[in-house]
Amino acid sequence: MPKNAKSTSPTRVDPDDAPAWSAETFERAERRRGDRLIAPAKGALTRRGRPKLENPKLQVTLRLDADLIDRFRNDGPGWQSRINDCLRKAIKA
């Protein structure tokens, strides 16, 4: 069997070859405890995700008749928002 000329094992990188961290490098680094961000990197944006809503919706459990739910679902995506709109109109009436 012919010998492989190229090694298939990954090249080992010695951690001692990494550049030294300066005080400035530590200042710019973000600090984490596990997956949780403790302190963001200096100059980094700290807000992530959607902006907070002024009047956020609340999650509730509500029992409705099956035929009513089917009617809204058959109209496609956004059926929960349409139920919300109908309830809002009923309150104003």
N, C-alpha and C. Protein backbone atom coordinates (compact mmCIF):
# COMPACT_ATOMS: atom_id res chain seq x y z
N MET A 1 0.86 -1.17 0.00
CA MET A 1 0.00 0.00 0.00
C MET A 1 0.90 1.23 0.00
N PRO A 2 0.62 2.22 -0.86
CA PRO A 2 1.46 3.43 -0.91
C PRO A 2 1.25 4.29 0.33
N LYS A 3 2.30 4.95 0.73
CA LYS A 3 2.26 5.85 1.89
C LYS A 3 1.65 7.20 1.51
N ASN A 4 0.88 7.78 2.45
CA ASN A 4 0.36 9.14 2.25
C ASN A 4 1.50 10.13 2.46
N ALA A 5 1.63 11.04 1.53
CA ALA A 5 2.66 12.05 1.66
C ALA A 5 2.21 13.14 2.63
N LYS A 6 0.90 13.35 2.73
CA LYS A 6 0.37 14.42 3.56
C LYS A 6 -0.20 13.82 4.85
N SER A 7 0.11 14.41 5.97
CA SER A 7 -0.39 13.93 7.24
C SER A 7 -1.86 14.34 7.38
N THR A 8 -2.69 13.45 7.91
CA THR A 8 -4.10 13.77 8.11
C THR A 8 -4.38 14.28 9.51
N SER A 9 -3.41 14.21 10.40
CA SER A 9 -3.62 14.70 11.76
C SER A 9 -3.50 16.23 11.78
N PRO A 10 -4.34 16.89 12.59
CA PRO A 10 -4.28 18.35 12.64
C PRO A 10 -2.97 18.84 13.23
N THR A 11 -2.56 20.00 12.79
CA THR A 11 -1.32 20.60 13.30
C THR A 11 -1.57 21.08 14.72
N ARG A 12 -0.70 20.74 15.62
CA ARG A 12 -0.83 21.14 17.02
C ARG A 12 -0.36 22.59 17.16
N VAL A 13 -1.18 23.38 17.86
CA VAL A 13 -0.82 24.76 18.13
C VAL A 13 -0.51 24.87 19.61
N ASP A 14 0.66 25.34 19.92
CA ASP A 14 1.08 25.48 21.31
C ASP A 14 0.44 26.74 21.90
N PRO A 15 -0.33 26.61 23.01
CA PRO A 15 -0.96 27.79 23.59
C PRO A 15 0.05 28.82 24.09
N ASP A 16 1.26 28.42 24.34
CA ASP A 16 2.29 29.36 24.78
C ASP A 16 2.73 30.29 23.65
N ASP A 17 2.38 29.95 22.40
CA ASP A 17 2.74 30.78 21.26
C ASP A 17 1.77 31.94 21.06
N ALA A 18 0.68 31.96 21.82
CA ALA A 18 -0.30 33.04 21.68
C ALA A 18 0.32 34.36 22.14
N PRO A 19 -0.07 35.48 21.52
CA PRO A 19 0.49 36.76 21.93
C PRO A 19 0.04 37.13 23.36
N ALA A 20 0.87 37.84 24.05
CA ALA A 20 0.55 38.26 25.42
C ALA A 20 -0.56 39.31 25.39
N TRP A 21 -1.43 39.27 26.41
CA TRP A 21 -2.51 40.24 26.52
C TRP A 21 -2.02 41.46 27.28
N SER A 22 -2.28 42.61 26.70
CA SER A 22 -1.91 43.86 27.36
C SER A 22 -3.09 44.32 28.21
N ALA A 23 -2.88 45.35 29.01
CA ALA A 23 -3.96 45.92 29.82
C ALA A 23 -5.08 46.43 28.92
N GLU A 24 -4.72 47.00 27.77
CA GLU A 24 -5.71 47.50 26.82
C GLU A 24 -6.55 46.36 26.25
N THR A 25 -5.94 45.23 25.98
CA THR A 25 -6.66 44.07 25.46
C THR A 25 -7.68 43.59 26.48
N PHE A 26 -7.29 43.51 27.75
CA PHE A 26 -8.21 43.11 28.81
C PHE A 26 -9.37 44.10 28.94
N GLU A 27 -9.08 45.38 28.78
CA GLU A 27 -10.10 46.42 28.88
C GLU A 27 -11.16 46.27 27.81
N ARG A 28 -10.74 45.87 26.61
CA ARG A 28 -11.67 45.75 25.49
C ARG A 28 -12.43 44.43 25.48
N ALA A 29 -12.00 43.46 26.26
CA ALA A 29 -12.61 42.13 26.24
C ALA A 29 -13.96 42.11 26.94
N GLU A 30 -14.87 41.25 26.46
CA GLU A 30 -16.12 41.07 27.17
C GLU A 30 -15.93 39.93 28.17
N ARG A 31 -16.61 40.06 29.30
CA ARG A 31 -16.48 39.05 30.34
C ARG A 31 -17.76 38.24 30.43
N ARG A 32 -17.60 36.92 30.55
CA ARG A 32 -18.75 36.01 30.59
C ARG A 32 -18.61 35.05 31.76
N ARG A 33 -19.75 34.63 32.25
CA ARG A 33 -19.81 33.54 33.22
C ARG A 33 -20.67 32.47 32.57
N GLY A 34 -20.02 31.44 32.03
CA GLY A 34 -20.74 30.45 31.24
C GLY A 34 -21.20 31.10 29.95
N ASP A 35 -22.48 31.00 29.64
CA ASP A 35 -23.04 31.63 28.44
C ASP A 35 -23.55 33.03 28.70
N ARG A 36 -23.56 33.46 29.97
CA ARG A 36 -24.13 34.76 30.33
C ARG A 36 -23.08 35.87 30.24
N LEU A 37 -23.45 36.96 29.59
CA LEU A 37 -22.58 38.11 29.45
C LEU A 37 -22.59 38.90 30.75
N ILE A 38 -21.43 39.04 31.39
CA ILE A 38 -21.31 39.77 32.65
C ILE A 38 -21.02 41.24 32.37
N ALA A 39 -20.05 41.50 31.51
CA ALA A 39 -19.69 42.88 31.16
C ALA A 39 -19.38 42.92 29.67
N PRO A 40 -20.03 43.81 28.92
CA PRO A 40 -19.76 43.88 27.48
C PRO A 40 -18.39 44.46 27.20
N ALA A 41 -17.90 44.19 26.04
CA ALA A 41 -16.63 44.75 25.61
C ALA A 41 -16.76 46.27 25.54
N LYS A 42 -15.69 46.96 25.87
CA LYS A 42 -15.72 48.42 25.87
C LYS A 42 -16.02 48.92 24.45
N GLY A 43 -17.02 49.78 24.34
CA GLY A 43 -17.39 50.33 23.04
C GLY A 43 -18.39 49.46 22.29
N ALA A 44 -18.75 48.30 22.84
CA ALA A 44 -19.71 47.42 22.17
C ALA A 44 -21.14 47.86 22.49
N LEU A 45 -22.04 47.55 21.59
CA LEU A 45 -23.45 47.83 21.84
C LEU A 45 -23.95 46.81 22.85
N THR A 46 -24.65 47.25 23.86
CA THR A 46 -25.14 46.33 24.88
C THR A 46 -26.57 45.88 24.62
N ARG A 47 -27.31 46.60 23.81
CA ARG A 47 -28.69 46.23 23.54
C ARG A 47 -28.73 45.19 22.44
N ARG A 48 -29.42 44.11 22.71
CA ARG A 48 -29.54 43.05 21.72
C ARG A 48 -31.01 42.69 21.58
N GLY A 49 -31.38 42.20 20.41
CA GLY A 49 -32.76 41.80 20.19
C GLY A 49 -33.65 42.98 19.85
N ARG A 50 -34.93 42.72 19.92
CA ARG A 50 -35.91 43.76 19.59
C ARG A 50 -35.93 44.83 20.67
N PRO A 51 -36.25 46.07 20.28
CA PRO A 51 -36.41 47.11 21.29
C PRO A 51 -37.64 46.82 22.15
N LYS A 52 -37.61 47.25 23.39
CA LYS A 52 -38.73 47.03 24.30
C LYS A 52 -39.95 47.81 23.83
N LEU A 53 -41.10 47.17 23.89
CA LEU A 53 -42.36 47.81 23.50
C LEU A 53 -42.86 48.69 24.64
N GLU A 54 -43.53 49.77 24.27
CA GLU A 54 -44.10 50.66 25.28
C GLU A 54 -45.24 49.95 26.02
N ASN A 55 -46.06 49.22 25.28
CA ASN A 55 -47.18 48.46 25.86
C ASN A 55 -47.07 47.01 25.40
N PRO A 56 -46.24 46.20 26.04
CA PRO A 56 -46.07 44.82 25.57
C PRO A 56 -47.34 43.99 25.80
N LYS A 57 -47.53 43.01 24.94
CA LYS A 57 -48.69 42.13 25.08
C LYS A 57 -48.42 41.12 26.18
N LEU A 58 -49.49 40.64 26.80
CA LEU A 58 -49.40 39.66 27.86
C LEU A 58 -49.84 38.31 27.34
N GLN A 59 -49.18 37.26 27.78
CA GLN A 59 -49.59 35.92 27.40
C GLN A 59 -50.64 35.44 28.40
N VAL A 60 -51.76 34.96 27.88
CA VAL A 60 -52.84 34.45 28.72
C VAL A 60 -53.33 33.13 28.16
N THR A 61 -54.02 32.37 28.97
CA THR A 61 -54.68 31.16 28.51
C THR A 61 -56.16 31.48 28.42
N LEU A 62 -56.74 31.19 27.29
CA LEU A 62 -58.14 31.53 27.03
C LEU A 62 -58.78 30.35 26.30
N ARG A 63 -59.91 29.89 26.79
CA ARG A 63 -60.62 28.78 26.14
C ARG A 63 -61.68 29.36 25.20
N LEU A 64 -61.56 28.98 23.93
CA LEU A 64 -62.52 29.42 22.91
C LEU A 64 -63.06 28.19 22.20
N ASP A 65 -64.23 28.33 21.58
CA ASP A 65 -64.82 27.22 20.84
C ASP A 65 -63.93 26.84 19.66
N ALA A 66 -63.87 25.54 19.37
CA ALA A 66 -63.00 25.02 18.30
C ALA A 66 -63.36 25.60 16.94
N ASP A 67 -64.66 25.75 16.65
CA ASP A 67 -65.06 26.29 15.35
C ASP A 67 -64.62 27.74 15.17
N LEU A 68 -64.58 28.48 16.27
CA LEU A 68 -64.13 29.88 16.22
C LEU A 68 -62.63 29.93 15.89
N ILE A 69 -61.86 29.10 16.57
CA ILE A 69 -60.41 29.05 16.32
C ILE A 69 -60.13 28.60 14.89
N ASP A 70 -60.86 27.56 14.44
CA ASP A 70 -60.67 27.05 13.07
C ASP A 70 -60.94 28.15 12.04
N ARG A 71 -61.97 28.94 12.27
CA ARG A 71 -62.32 30.02 11.33
C ARG A 71 -61.18 31.03 11.20
N PHE A 72 -60.59 31.41 12.31
CA PHE A 72 -59.48 32.37 12.27
C PHE A 72 -58.22 31.73 11.68
N ARG A 73 -57.95 30.49 12.03
CA ARG A 73 -56.75 29.81 11.50
C ARG A 73 -56.84 29.59 10.00
N ASN A 74 -58.03 29.33 9.51
CA ASN A 74 -58.21 29.10 8.06
C ASN A 74 -57.89 30.34 7.24
N ASP A 75 -57.93 31.51 7.85
CA ASP A 75 -57.59 32.74 7.13
C ASP A 75 -56.09 32.92 6.98
N GLY A 76 -55.29 32.05 7.61
CA GLY A 76 -53.84 32.10 7.44
C GLY A 76 -53.11 32.68 8.64
N PRO A 77 -51.80 32.91 8.46
CA PRO A 77 -50.98 33.43 9.55
C PRO A 77 -51.50 34.78 10.06
N GLY A 78 -51.27 35.03 11.34
CA GLY A 78 -51.73 36.26 11.95
C GLY A 78 -53.09 36.12 12.60
N TRP A 79 -53.55 34.87 12.76
CA TRP A 79 -54.90 34.65 13.29
C TRP A 79 -55.04 35.15 14.72
N GLN A 80 -53.98 35.07 15.52
CA GLN A 80 -54.07 35.55 16.90
C GLN A 80 -54.21 37.07 16.94
N SER A 81 -53.49 37.76 16.05
CA SER A 81 -53.61 39.22 15.96
C SER A 81 -55.01 39.62 15.50
N ARG A 82 -55.60 38.83 14.60
CA ARG A 82 -56.95 39.14 14.15
C ARG A 82 -57.96 38.96 15.28
N ILE A 83 -57.77 37.94 16.11
CA ILE A 83 -58.64 37.77 17.28
C ILE A 83 -58.48 38.97 18.20
N ASN A 84 -57.24 39.42 18.40
CA ASN A 84 -56.98 40.60 19.24
C ASN A 84 -57.72 41.81 18.69
N ASP A 85 -57.67 42.01 17.36
CA ASP A 85 -58.35 43.15 16.73
C ASP A 85 -59.86 43.06 16.92
N CYS A 86 -60.42 41.86 16.78
CA CYS A 86 -61.87 41.68 16.98
C CYS A 86 -62.27 41.99 18.41
N LEU A 87 -61.49 41.55 19.36
CA LEU A 87 -61.79 41.83 20.75
C LEU A 87 -61.71 43.34 21.04
N ARG A 88 -60.74 44.01 20.45
CA ARG A 88 -60.59 45.45 20.63
C ARG A 88 -61.81 46.19 20.06
N LYS A 89 -62.27 45.76 18.86
CA LYS A 89 -63.46 46.38 18.26
C LYS A 89 -64.69 46.15 19.12
N ALA A 90 -64.81 44.95 19.71
CA ALA A 90 -65.97 44.63 20.56
C ALA A 90 -65.98 45.50 21.81
N ILE A 91 -64.82 45.81 22.34
CA ILE A 91 -64.74 46.67 23.54
C ILE A 91 -65.16 48.09 23.20
N LYS A 92 -64.76 48.57 22.04
CA LYS A 92 -65.09 49.95 21.63
C LYS A 92 -66.57 50.11 21.28
N ALA A 93 -67.20 49.03 20.85
CA ALA A 93 -68.62 49.09 20.42
C ALA A 93 -69.56 49.23 21.58
